[in-house]
Amino acid sequence: MTRIMVPNGDGTTGWFDDERLREEFTETSVWDGNNWRGVCSGMQIKSAELLLTAEGRWVLHEDSSSEFNGPDSYRWLTDDEARVWLMKSGTGNRGPADEALEAVERLWPDVPEESGPSEGGRPAVGPAISVAYPEDLLQRIDAAAAKEETSRAAWLQTAAREKLAGSHRPCTAAEADEPGSGSGG
């Protein structure tokens, strides 16, 4: 067992056994006009490695000791950081690019084919639903929303939260029987 020490970022140190790795990926390289350089690390002589530990944690290993007289370093990566590293490594034209891209498809099967800037609009707050309201009730909702200077959707969300939290009084039988309420006669 070889314990490799990795700083946790909070002043403590974690470790993993480099003899029990689940997977190991070497970054690919790209020609910069003068040298082959790692697409993720930019290193020329050595390549960075992405390691998946036996416990399922991602570790980035960069050994720049022979290149910049720098450190032989390890650091933890999140799943998203590891996925991005593999996707970027898959763009190189020297080294195991196909292996990196196949790993992304295998380890993150739900990654969309495309991701980019939003086409505009508001961020989603939940799944959209379609609800039919009687016209007179919808007019009352719109009037109440306008009075509170908010949108119809925001007003309905607030009303639903208040009702579920119990801060709204139950409707009376007379209110339930109002035309268009859908619950009375």
N, C-alpha and C. Protein backbone atom coordinates (compact mmCIF):
# COMPACT_ATOMS: atom_id res chain seq x y z
N MET A 1 0.85 -1.19 0.00
CA MET A 1 0.00 0.00 0.00
C MET A 1 0.89 1.24 0.00
N THR A 2 0.60 2.12 -0.94
CA THR A 2 1.32 3.39 -1.01
C THR A 2 0.32 4.50 -0.76
N ARG A 3 0.44 5.15 0.36
CA ARG A 3 -0.47 6.23 0.71
C ARG A 3 0.03 7.54 0.12
N ILE A 4 -0.79 8.13 -0.71
CA ILE A 4 -0.48 9.43 -1.30
C ILE A 4 -1.27 10.48 -0.53
N MET A 5 -0.58 11.46 0.00
CA MET A 5 -1.20 12.50 0.80
C MET A 5 -1.73 13.61 -0.12
N VAL A 6 -2.95 14.07 0.19
CA VAL A 6 -3.61 15.11 -0.62
C VAL A 6 -4.18 16.16 0.33
N PRO A 7 -3.80 17.44 0.14
CA PRO A 7 -4.39 18.48 1.00
C PRO A 7 -5.88 18.60 0.75
N ASN A 8 -6.65 18.75 1.83
CA ASN A 8 -8.10 18.83 1.73
C ASN A 8 -8.61 20.24 1.47
N GLY A 9 -7.75 21.25 1.59
CA GLY A 9 -8.19 22.62 1.36
C GLY A 9 -8.65 23.32 2.62
N ASP A 10 -8.80 22.57 3.71
CA ASP A 10 -9.23 23.18 4.97
C ASP A 10 -8.13 23.09 6.03
N GLY A 11 -6.89 22.85 5.57
CA GLY A 11 -5.77 22.74 6.49
C GLY A 11 -5.49 21.31 6.92
N THR A 12 -6.38 20.38 6.59
CA THR A 12 -6.16 18.98 6.93
C THR A 12 -5.66 18.25 5.68
N THR A 13 -5.27 17.02 5.87
CA THR A 13 -4.75 16.23 4.76
C THR A 13 -5.49 14.92 4.67
N GLY A 14 -5.84 14.54 3.44
CA GLY A 14 -6.45 13.25 3.17
C GLY A 14 -5.43 12.37 2.46
N TRP A 15 -5.83 11.17 2.08
CA TRP A 15 -4.93 10.28 1.37
C TRP A 15 -5.72 9.25 0.59
N PHE A 16 -4.99 8.59 -0.32
CA PHE A 16 -5.56 7.47 -1.06
C PHE A 16 -4.43 6.50 -1.36
N ASP A 17 -4.78 5.30 -1.69
CA ASP A 17 -3.82 4.25 -2.02
C ASP A 17 -3.70 4.19 -3.54
N ASP A 18 -2.52 4.55 -4.06
CA ASP A 18 -2.37 4.59 -5.51
C ASP A 18 -2.22 3.21 -6.16
N GLU A 19 -2.23 2.18 -5.35
CA GLU A 19 -2.19 0.81 -5.88
C GLU A 19 -3.60 0.22 -6.02
N ARG A 20 -4.61 0.96 -5.55
CA ARG A 20 -5.99 0.48 -5.62
C ARG A 20 -6.89 1.44 -6.40
N LEU A 21 -6.37 2.06 -7.43
CA LEU A 21 -7.15 3.00 -8.23
C LEU A 21 -8.19 2.26 -9.06
N ARG A 22 -9.35 2.87 -9.19
CA ARG A 22 -10.37 2.33 -10.09
C ARG A 22 -10.00 2.61 -11.53
N GLU A 23 -9.56 3.85 -11.78
CA GLU A 23 -9.22 4.25 -13.14
C GLU A 23 -8.12 5.30 -13.10
N GLU A 24 -7.39 5.40 -14.21
CA GLU A 24 -6.31 6.37 -14.36
C GLU A 24 -6.32 6.87 -15.80
N PHE A 25 -6.31 8.19 -15.97
CA PHE A 25 -6.36 8.79 -17.29
C PHE A 25 -5.17 9.73 -17.44
N THR A 26 -4.44 9.60 -18.53
CA THR A 26 -3.32 10.49 -18.85
C THR A 26 -3.82 11.53 -19.83
N GLU A 27 -3.46 12.79 -19.59
CA GLU A 27 -3.95 13.84 -20.48
C GLU A 27 -3.33 13.71 -21.86
N THR A 28 -4.06 14.21 -22.83
CA THR A 28 -3.57 14.22 -24.21
C THR A 28 -2.78 15.51 -24.44
N SER A 29 -2.10 15.57 -25.58
CA SER A 29 -1.28 16.73 -25.91
C SER A 29 -1.74 17.35 -27.21
N VAL A 30 -1.34 18.59 -27.40
CA VAL A 30 -1.63 19.31 -28.63
C VAL A 30 -0.35 20.06 -29.03
N TRP A 31 -0.10 20.16 -30.31
CA TRP A 31 1.08 20.85 -30.83
C TRP A 31 0.83 22.34 -30.80
N ASP A 32 1.72 23.11 -30.14
CA ASP A 32 1.53 24.56 -30.03
C ASP A 32 2.36 25.34 -31.05
N GLY A 33 2.96 24.62 -32.00
CA GLY A 33 3.81 25.27 -33.01
C GLY A 33 5.28 25.04 -32.73
N ASN A 34 5.60 24.76 -31.47
CA ASN A 34 6.98 24.50 -31.08
C ASN A 34 7.13 23.20 -30.30
N ASN A 35 6.14 22.87 -29.52
CA ASN A 35 6.22 21.72 -28.62
C ASN A 35 4.86 21.05 -28.48
N TRP A 36 4.88 19.79 -28.05
CA TRP A 36 3.66 19.11 -27.62
C TRP A 36 3.41 19.53 -26.19
N ARG A 37 2.22 20.01 -25.89
CA ARG A 37 1.86 20.44 -24.54
C ARG A 37 0.57 19.76 -24.10
N GLY A 38 0.50 19.44 -22.81
CA GLY A 38 -0.72 18.86 -22.26
C GLY A 38 -1.88 19.83 -22.41
N VAL A 39 -3.02 19.34 -22.89
CA VAL A 39 -4.16 20.22 -23.14
C VAL A 39 -4.77 20.78 -21.85
N CYS A 40 -4.59 20.09 -20.74
CA CYS A 40 -5.13 20.57 -19.46
C CYS A 40 -4.08 21.30 -18.64
N SER A 41 -2.88 20.74 -18.55
CA SER A 41 -1.84 21.29 -17.67
C SER A 41 -0.91 22.27 -18.37
N GLY A 42 -0.76 22.14 -19.69
CA GLY A 42 0.20 22.97 -20.40
C GLY A 42 1.63 22.47 -20.28
N MET A 43 1.83 21.35 -19.58
CA MET A 43 3.18 20.82 -19.39
C MET A 43 3.71 20.23 -20.69
N GLN A 44 5.03 20.34 -20.85
CA GLN A 44 5.65 19.89 -22.08
C GLN A 44 6.32 18.52 -21.91
N ILE A 45 7.01 18.29 -20.82
CA ILE A 45 7.78 17.06 -20.66
C ILE A 45 6.95 15.94 -20.06
N LYS A 46 6.20 16.26 -19.04
CA LYS A 46 5.35 15.26 -18.37
C LYS A 46 3.90 15.55 -18.71
N SER A 47 3.04 14.63 -18.36
CA SER A 47 1.61 14.80 -18.55
C SER A 47 0.92 14.72 -17.20
N ALA A 48 -0.19 15.43 -17.09
CA ALA A 48 -1.00 15.32 -15.88
C ALA A 48 -1.80 14.02 -15.95
N GLU A 49 -2.23 13.56 -14.80
CA GLU A 49 -3.05 12.35 -14.72
C GLU A 49 -4.27 12.63 -13.87
N LEU A 50 -5.37 12.07 -14.27
CA LEU A 50 -6.60 12.13 -13.49
C LEU A 50 -6.82 10.73 -12.93
N LEU A 51 -6.98 10.65 -11.62
CA LEU A 51 -7.10 9.36 -10.95
C LEU A 51 -8.46 9.24 -10.28
N LEU A 52 -9.06 8.07 -10.37
CA LEU A 52 -10.29 7.77 -9.64
C LEU A 52 -9.92 6.75 -8.57
N THR A 53 -10.05 7.16 -7.31
CA THR A 53 -9.61 6.32 -6.20
C THR A 53 -10.57 5.15 -5.97
N ALA A 54 -10.14 4.22 -5.15
CA ALA A 54 -10.96 3.06 -4.81
C ALA A 54 -12.27 3.47 -4.15
N GLU A 55 -12.26 4.59 -3.45
CA GLU A 55 -13.46 5.08 -2.78
C GLU A 55 -14.30 6.00 -3.67
N GLY A 56 -13.88 6.20 -4.93
CA GLY A 56 -14.68 6.99 -5.86
C GLY A 56 -14.42 8.47 -5.84
N ARG A 57 -13.24 8.89 -5.34
CA ARG A 57 -12.89 10.32 -5.34
C ARG A 57 -11.92 10.59 -6.48
N TRP A 58 -12.03 11.79 -7.04
CA TRP A 58 -11.16 12.19 -8.15
C TRP A 58 -9.94 12.94 -7.62
N VAL A 59 -8.78 12.62 -8.18
CA VAL A 59 -7.53 13.28 -7.80
C VAL A 59 -6.80 13.68 -9.08
N LEU A 60 -6.34 14.92 -9.12
CA LEU A 60 -5.51 15.39 -10.23
C LEU A 60 -4.05 15.33 -9.78
N HIS A 61 -3.22 14.65 -10.57
CA HIS A 61 -1.80 14.53 -10.29
C HIS A 61 -1.03 15.27 -11.36
N GLU A 62 -0.26 16.28 -10.95
CA GLU A 62 0.59 17.03 -11.87
C GLU A 62 2.01 16.98 -11.35
N ASP A 63 2.91 16.36 -12.09
CA ASP A 63 4.32 16.27 -11.72
C ASP A 63 5.11 17.21 -12.60
N SER A 64 5.37 18.39 -12.11
CA SER A 64 6.13 19.37 -12.88
C SER A 64 7.57 19.48 -12.38
N SER A 65 8.02 18.49 -11.62
CA SER A 65 9.37 18.54 -11.04
C SER A 65 10.45 18.54 -12.11
N SER A 66 10.28 17.79 -13.19
CA SER A 66 11.32 17.76 -14.23
C SER A 66 11.11 18.86 -15.27
N GLU A 67 10.04 19.57 -15.18
CA GLU A 67 9.74 20.59 -16.17
C GLU A 67 10.06 21.99 -15.70
N PHE A 68 9.50 22.37 -14.61
CA PHE A 68 9.69 23.73 -14.10
C PHE A 68 10.40 23.71 -12.75
N ASN A 69 11.00 22.57 -12.42
CA ASN A 69 11.55 22.38 -11.09
C ASN A 69 10.46 22.68 -10.07
N GLY A 70 9.24 22.32 -10.46
CA GLY A 70 8.08 22.59 -9.63
C GLY A 70 7.68 21.38 -8.82
N PRO A 71 6.54 21.45 -8.20
CA PRO A 71 6.11 20.38 -7.29
C PRO A 71 5.52 19.17 -8.02
N ASP A 72 5.56 18.08 -7.33
CA ASP A 72 4.82 16.88 -7.72
C ASP A 72 3.56 16.95 -6.87
N SER A 73 2.47 17.42 -7.45
CA SER A 73 1.30 17.77 -6.64
C SER A 73 0.09 16.91 -6.93
N TYR A 74 -0.74 16.79 -5.90
CA TYR A 74 -2.02 16.09 -5.99
C TYR A 74 -3.08 17.01 -5.40
N ARG A 75 -4.26 17.01 -6.01
CA ARG A 75 -5.38 17.75 -5.42
C ARG A 75 -6.69 17.07 -5.78
N TRP A 76 -7.65 17.18 -4.86
CA TRP A 76 -8.97 16.59 -5.05
C TRP A 76 -9.72 17.40 -6.09
N LEU A 77 -10.53 16.72 -6.90
CA LEU A 77 -11.43 17.38 -7.84
C LEU A 77 -12.86 16.92 -7.56
N THR A 78 -13.79 17.79 -7.86
CA THR A 78 -15.21 17.40 -7.79
C THR A 78 -15.53 16.57 -9.03
N ASP A 79 -16.69 15.94 -9.04
CA ASP A 79 -17.13 15.19 -10.21
C ASP A 79 -17.19 16.09 -11.44
N ASP A 80 -17.73 17.31 -11.27
CA ASP A 80 -17.83 18.23 -12.40
C ASP A 80 -16.46 18.63 -12.92
N GLU A 81 -15.52 18.91 -12.02
CA GLU A 81 -14.17 19.26 -12.45
C GLU A 81 -13.50 18.10 -13.19
N ALA A 82 -13.71 16.88 -12.71
CA ALA A 82 -13.13 15.71 -13.37
C ALA A 82 -13.75 15.51 -14.76
N ARG A 83 -15.06 15.71 -14.87
CA ARG A 83 -15.73 15.57 -16.15
C ARG A 83 -15.20 16.59 -17.15
N VAL A 84 -15.06 17.84 -16.71
CA VAL A 84 -14.53 18.88 -17.59
C VAL A 84 -13.10 18.57 -17.99
N TRP A 85 -12.27 18.08 -17.05
CA TRP A 85 -10.88 17.72 -17.36
C TRP A 85 -10.85 16.64 -18.44
N LEU A 86 -11.67 15.62 -18.28
CA LEU A 86 -11.70 14.54 -19.27
C LEU A 86 -12.19 15.03 -20.62
N MET A 87 -13.20 15.89 -20.63
CA MET A 87 -13.72 16.41 -21.89
C MET A 87 -12.65 17.24 -22.60
N LYS A 88 -11.92 18.05 -21.83
CA LYS A 88 -10.85 18.86 -22.42
C LYS A 88 -9.72 17.96 -22.90
N SER A 89 -9.37 16.94 -22.13
CA SER A 89 -8.31 16.03 -22.52
C SER A 89 -8.69 15.28 -23.79
N GLY A 90 -9.96 15.09 -24.01
CA GLY A 90 -10.42 14.42 -25.21
C GLY A 90 -10.27 15.24 -26.47
N THR A 91 -9.82 16.50 -26.36
CA THR A 91 -9.65 17.35 -27.53
C THR A 91 -8.23 17.30 -28.09
N GLY A 92 -7.30 16.67 -27.38
CA GLY A 92 -5.92 16.60 -27.85
C GLY A 92 -5.79 15.70 -29.06
N ASN A 93 -4.69 15.89 -29.81
CA ASN A 93 -4.49 15.06 -30.99
C ASN A 93 -3.29 14.13 -30.84
N ARG A 94 -2.78 14.01 -29.63
CA ARG A 94 -1.70 13.06 -29.34
C ARG A 94 -1.98 12.47 -27.97
N GLY A 95 -2.18 11.19 -27.93
CA GLY A 95 -2.48 10.52 -26.68
C GLY A 95 -3.88 9.93 -26.69
N PRO A 96 -4.33 9.46 -25.53
CA PRO A 96 -5.59 8.69 -25.45
C PRO A 96 -6.85 9.56 -25.42
N ALA A 97 -7.07 10.35 -26.48
CA ALA A 97 -8.25 11.23 -26.52
C ALA A 97 -9.54 10.43 -26.52
N ASP A 98 -9.60 9.36 -27.32
CA ASP A 98 -10.82 8.54 -27.37
C ASP A 98 -11.14 7.93 -26.01
N GLU A 99 -10.10 7.51 -25.29
CA GLU A 99 -10.30 6.93 -23.96
C GLU A 99 -10.95 7.94 -23.03
N ALA A 100 -10.52 9.19 -23.10
CA ALA A 100 -11.09 10.24 -22.24
C ALA A 100 -12.55 10.48 -22.56
N LEU A 101 -12.87 10.58 -23.85
CA LEU A 101 -14.25 10.84 -24.24
C LEU A 101 -15.16 9.65 -23.95
N GLU A 102 -14.65 8.43 -24.13
CA GLU A 102 -15.43 7.24 -23.78
C GLU A 102 -15.70 7.19 -22.28
N ALA A 103 -14.74 7.62 -21.49
CA ALA A 103 -14.92 7.64 -20.03
C ALA A 103 -16.02 8.63 -19.64
N VAL A 104 -16.07 9.78 -20.31
CA VAL A 104 -17.12 10.76 -20.02
C VAL A 104 -18.49 10.14 -20.29
N GLU A 105 -18.62 9.47 -21.44
CA GLU A 105 -19.91 8.86 -21.79
C GLU A 105 -20.27 7.73 -20.83
N ARG A 106 -19.27 7.00 -20.38
CA ARG A 106 -19.53 5.86 -19.49
C ARG A 106 -19.83 6.32 -18.06
N LEU A 107 -19.08 7.30 -17.57
CA LEU A 107 -19.21 7.72 -16.17
C LEU A 107 -20.30 8.77 -15.96
N TRP A 108 -20.62 9.54 -16.99
CA TRP A 108 -21.66 10.56 -16.92
C TRP A 108 -22.59 10.39 -18.10
N PRO A 109 -23.42 9.37 -18.10
CA PRO A 109 -24.26 9.10 -19.28
C PRO A 109 -25.33 10.17 -19.52
N ASP A 110 -25.64 10.98 -18.52
CA ASP A 110 -26.69 11.97 -18.67
C ASP A 110 -26.19 13.35 -19.06
N VAL A 111 -24.90 13.47 -19.41
CA VAL A 111 -24.36 14.76 -19.81
C VAL A 111 -24.98 15.14 -21.16
N PRO A 112 -25.54 16.34 -21.26
CA PRO A 112 -26.15 16.73 -22.52
C PRO A 112 -25.12 16.83 -23.64
N GLU A 113 -25.59 16.68 -24.87
CA GLU A 113 -24.71 16.76 -26.04
C GLU A 113 -24.10 18.15 -26.18
N GLU A 114 -24.80 19.15 -25.67
CA GLU A 114 -24.35 20.52 -25.86
C GLU A 114 -24.64 21.32 -24.61
N SER A 115 -23.74 22.23 -24.29
CA SER A 115 -23.94 23.12 -23.15
C SER A 115 -23.31 24.45 -23.51
N GLY A 116 -24.02 25.52 -23.27
CA GLY A 116 -23.49 26.83 -23.61
C GLY A 116 -24.28 27.90 -22.90
N PRO A 117 -24.08 29.14 -23.32
CA PRO A 117 -24.80 30.23 -22.66
C PRO A 117 -26.30 30.10 -22.88
N SER A 118 -27.04 30.62 -21.93
CA SER A 118 -28.49 30.59 -22.00
C SER A 118 -28.97 31.40 -23.19
N GLU A 119 -30.06 30.96 -23.75
CA GLU A 119 -30.67 31.69 -24.86
C GLU A 119 -31.54 32.83 -24.34
N GLY A 120 -31.44 33.12 -23.08
CA GLY A 120 -32.21 34.20 -22.50
C GLY A 120 -33.34 33.66 -21.64
N GLY A 121 -34.12 34.55 -21.12
CA GLY A 121 -35.22 34.14 -20.26
C GLY A 121 -34.77 34.02 -18.82
N ARG A 122 -35.69 33.67 -18.00
CA ARG A 122 -35.42 33.55 -16.57
C ARG A 122 -34.99 32.14 -16.25
N PRO A 123 -34.20 31.99 -15.17
CA PRO A 123 -33.82 30.64 -14.78
C PRO A 123 -35.04 29.86 -14.29
N ALA A 124 -35.05 28.58 -14.54
CA ALA A 124 -36.17 27.74 -14.12
C ALA A 124 -36.18 27.62 -12.60
N VAL A 125 -37.38 27.67 -12.01
CA VAL A 125 -37.51 27.49 -10.57
C VAL A 125 -38.13 26.15 -10.24
N GLY A 126 -38.52 25.45 -11.25
CA GLY A 126 -39.16 24.15 -11.08
C GLY A 126 -39.83 23.77 -12.38
N PRO A 127 -40.44 22.60 -12.40
CA PRO A 127 -41.10 22.19 -13.63
C PRO A 127 -42.32 23.07 -13.91
N ALA A 128 -42.53 23.38 -15.17
CA ALA A 128 -43.70 24.16 -15.55
C ALA A 128 -44.93 23.26 -15.52
N ILE A 129 -46.04 23.84 -15.07
CA ILE A 129 -47.30 23.10 -15.04
C ILE A 129 -48.35 23.92 -15.76
N SER A 130 -49.37 23.27 -16.21
CA SER A 130 -50.47 23.95 -16.87
C SER A 130 -51.72 23.77 -16.02
N VAL A 131 -52.31 24.89 -15.64
CA VAL A 131 -53.51 24.86 -14.80
C VAL A 131 -54.57 25.76 -15.44
N ALA A 132 -55.77 25.25 -15.57
CA ALA A 132 -56.87 26.04 -16.11
C ALA A 132 -57.64 26.68 -14.96
N TYR A 133 -57.88 28.01 -15.07
CA TYR A 133 -58.65 28.74 -14.07
C TYR A 133 -59.87 29.33 -14.75
N PRO A 134 -60.98 29.39 -14.03
CA PRO A 134 -62.14 30.12 -14.56
C PRO A 134 -61.75 31.59 -14.78
N GLU A 135 -62.31 32.21 -15.77
CA GLU A 135 -61.93 33.58 -16.16
C GLU A 135 -62.06 34.56 -15.00
N ASP A 136 -63.18 34.48 -14.25
CA ASP A 136 -63.37 35.45 -13.16
C ASP A 136 -62.33 35.26 -12.05
N LEU A 137 -61.93 34.02 -11.75
CA LEU A 137 -60.90 33.77 -10.74
C LEU A 137 -59.55 34.28 -11.24
N LEU A 138 -59.25 34.08 -12.49
CA LEU A 138 -58.00 34.54 -13.06
C LEU A 138 -57.92 36.07 -13.01
N GLN A 139 -59.03 36.74 -13.24
CA GLN A 139 -59.06 38.21 -13.16
C GLN A 139 -58.78 38.66 -11.73
N ARG A 140 -59.35 37.95 -10.75
CA ARG A 140 -59.10 38.30 -9.33
C ARG A 140 -57.65 38.06 -8.96
N ILE A 141 -57.06 36.97 -9.47
CA ILE A 141 -55.64 36.68 -9.19
C ILE A 141 -54.77 37.76 -9.80
N ASP A 142 -55.05 38.13 -11.05
CA ASP A 142 -54.26 39.17 -11.73
C ASP A 142 -54.37 40.51 -11.00
N ALA A 143 -55.57 40.83 -10.51
CA ALA A 143 -55.77 42.09 -9.78
C ALA A 143 -54.98 42.07 -8.48
N ALA A 144 -55.01 40.95 -7.77
CA ALA A 144 -54.26 40.84 -6.51
C ALA A 144 -52.75 40.92 -6.78
N ALA A 145 -52.28 40.29 -7.85
CA ALA A 145 -50.85 40.34 -8.19
C ALA A 145 -50.44 41.76 -8.55
N ALA A 146 -51.29 42.46 -9.31
CA ALA A 146 -50.99 43.84 -9.69
C ALA A 146 -50.94 44.74 -8.46
N LYS A 147 -51.86 44.51 -7.53
CA LYS A 147 -51.90 45.30 -6.30
C LYS A 147 -50.60 45.12 -5.50
N GLU A 148 -50.05 43.91 -5.53
CA GLU A 148 -48.80 43.62 -4.81
C GLU A 148 -47.57 43.85 -5.69
N GLU A 149 -47.79 44.35 -6.90
CA GLU A 149 -46.71 44.64 -7.85
C GLU A 149 -45.81 43.43 -8.08
N THR A 150 -46.44 42.30 -8.38
CA THR A 150 -45.70 41.07 -8.66
C THR A 150 -46.34 40.37 -9.85
N SER A 151 -45.70 39.35 -10.32
CA SER A 151 -46.26 38.61 -11.45
C SER A 151 -47.33 37.63 -10.98
N ARG A 152 -48.12 37.17 -11.92
CA ARG A 152 -49.13 36.16 -11.63
C ARG A 152 -48.47 34.91 -11.03
N ALA A 153 -47.39 34.45 -11.67
CA ALA A 153 -46.71 33.23 -11.21
C ALA A 153 -46.18 33.40 -9.78
N ALA A 154 -45.55 34.54 -9.52
CA ALA A 154 -45.00 34.78 -8.18
C ALA A 154 -46.13 34.86 -7.15
N TRP A 155 -47.24 35.50 -7.51
CA TRP A 155 -48.36 35.60 -6.58
C TRP A 155 -48.93 34.21 -6.28
N LEU A 156 -49.09 33.37 -7.31
CA LEU A 156 -49.62 32.02 -7.11
C LEU A 156 -48.65 31.17 -6.27
N GLN A 157 -47.34 31.32 -6.49
CA GLN A 157 -46.38 30.57 -5.68
C GLN A 157 -46.48 30.98 -4.21
N THR A 158 -46.60 32.30 -3.98
CA THR A 158 -46.73 32.78 -2.60
C THR A 158 -48.02 32.27 -1.96
N ALA A 159 -49.11 32.32 -2.69
CA ALA A 159 -50.39 31.85 -2.17
C ALA A 159 -50.31 30.35 -1.83
N ALA A 160 -49.69 29.57 -2.69
CA ALA A 160 -49.57 28.13 -2.44
C ALA A 160 -48.70 27.88 -1.21
N ARG A 161 -47.57 28.61 -1.10
CA ARG A 161 -46.69 28.42 0.07
C ARG A 161 -47.43 28.78 1.37
N GLU A 162 -48.15 29.90 1.35
CA GLU A 162 -48.89 30.31 2.54
C GLU A 162 -49.95 29.28 2.91
N LYS A 163 -50.66 28.78 1.94
CA LYS A 163 -51.70 27.78 2.20
C LYS A 163 -51.09 26.51 2.79
N LEU A 164 -49.97 26.06 2.19
CA LEU A 164 -49.32 24.84 2.68
C LEU A 164 -48.71 25.03 4.06
N ALA A 165 -48.27 26.27 4.36
CA ALA A 165 -47.68 26.56 5.67
C ALA A 165 -48.75 26.78 6.73
N GLY A 166 -50.01 26.83 6.30
CA GLY A 166 -51.10 27.01 7.26
C GLY A 166 -51.31 28.45 7.65
N SER A 167 -50.68 29.40 6.96
CA SER A 167 -50.83 30.81 7.34
C SER A 167 -52.01 31.46 6.62
N HIS A 168 -52.70 30.70 5.84
CA HIS A 168 -53.87 31.20 5.14
C HIS A 168 -55.09 30.56 5.77
N ARG A 169 -56.13 31.32 5.99
CA ARG A 169 -57.33 30.78 6.58
C ARG A 169 -58.07 29.90 5.57
N PRO A 170 -58.76 28.88 6.01
CA PRO A 170 -59.54 28.07 5.08
C PRO A 170 -60.66 28.91 4.50
N CYS A 171 -61.07 28.61 3.26
CA CYS A 171 -62.14 29.38 2.66
C CYS A 171 -63.48 28.97 3.29
N THR A 172 -64.37 29.92 3.33
CA THR A 172 -65.70 29.65 3.90
C THR A 172 -66.56 28.95 2.86
N ALA A 173 -67.68 28.42 3.29
CA ALA A 173 -68.60 27.74 2.38
C ALA A 173 -69.11 28.72 1.34
N ALA A 174 -69.34 29.96 1.72
CA ALA A 174 -69.83 30.97 0.77
C ALA A 174 -68.78 31.24 -0.29
N GLU A 175 -67.50 31.33 0.14
CA GLU A 175 -66.43 31.57 -0.83
C GLU A 175 -66.28 30.37 -1.77
N ALA A 176 -66.43 29.18 -1.23
CA ALA A 176 -66.31 27.99 -2.06
C ALA A 176 -67.42 27.89 -3.09
N ASP A 177 -68.57 28.51 -2.78
CA ASP A 177 -69.71 28.47 -3.69
C ASP A 177 -69.71 29.61 -4.68
N GLU A 178 -68.68 30.49 -4.63
CA GLU A 178 -68.63 31.60 -5.59
C GLU A 178 -68.56 31.04 -7.00
N PRO A 179 -69.18 31.70 -7.95
CA PRO A 179 -69.15 31.22 -9.34
C PRO A 179 -67.69 31.07 -9.82
N GLY A 180 -67.45 29.96 -10.48
CA GLY A 180 -66.12 29.72 -11.05
C GLY A 180 -65.12 29.18 -10.08
N SER A 181 -65.49 28.90 -8.81
CA SER A 181 -64.51 28.40 -7.86
C SER A 181 -64.20 26.95 -8.10
N GLY A 182 -65.07 26.24 -8.79
CA GLY A 182 -64.84 24.84 -9.12
C GLY A 182 -65.10 23.89 -7.99
N SER A 183 -65.50 24.40 -6.82
CA SER A 183 -65.70 23.49 -5.70
C SER A 183 -67.12 23.52 -5.17
N GLY A 184 -67.88 24.43 -5.65
CA GLY A 184 -69.24 24.52 -5.11
C GLY A 184 -70.28 24.41 -6.21
N GLY A 185 -71.55 24.78 -5.84
CA GLY A 185 -72.66 24.59 -6.70
C GLY A 185 -72.85 25.61 -7.68
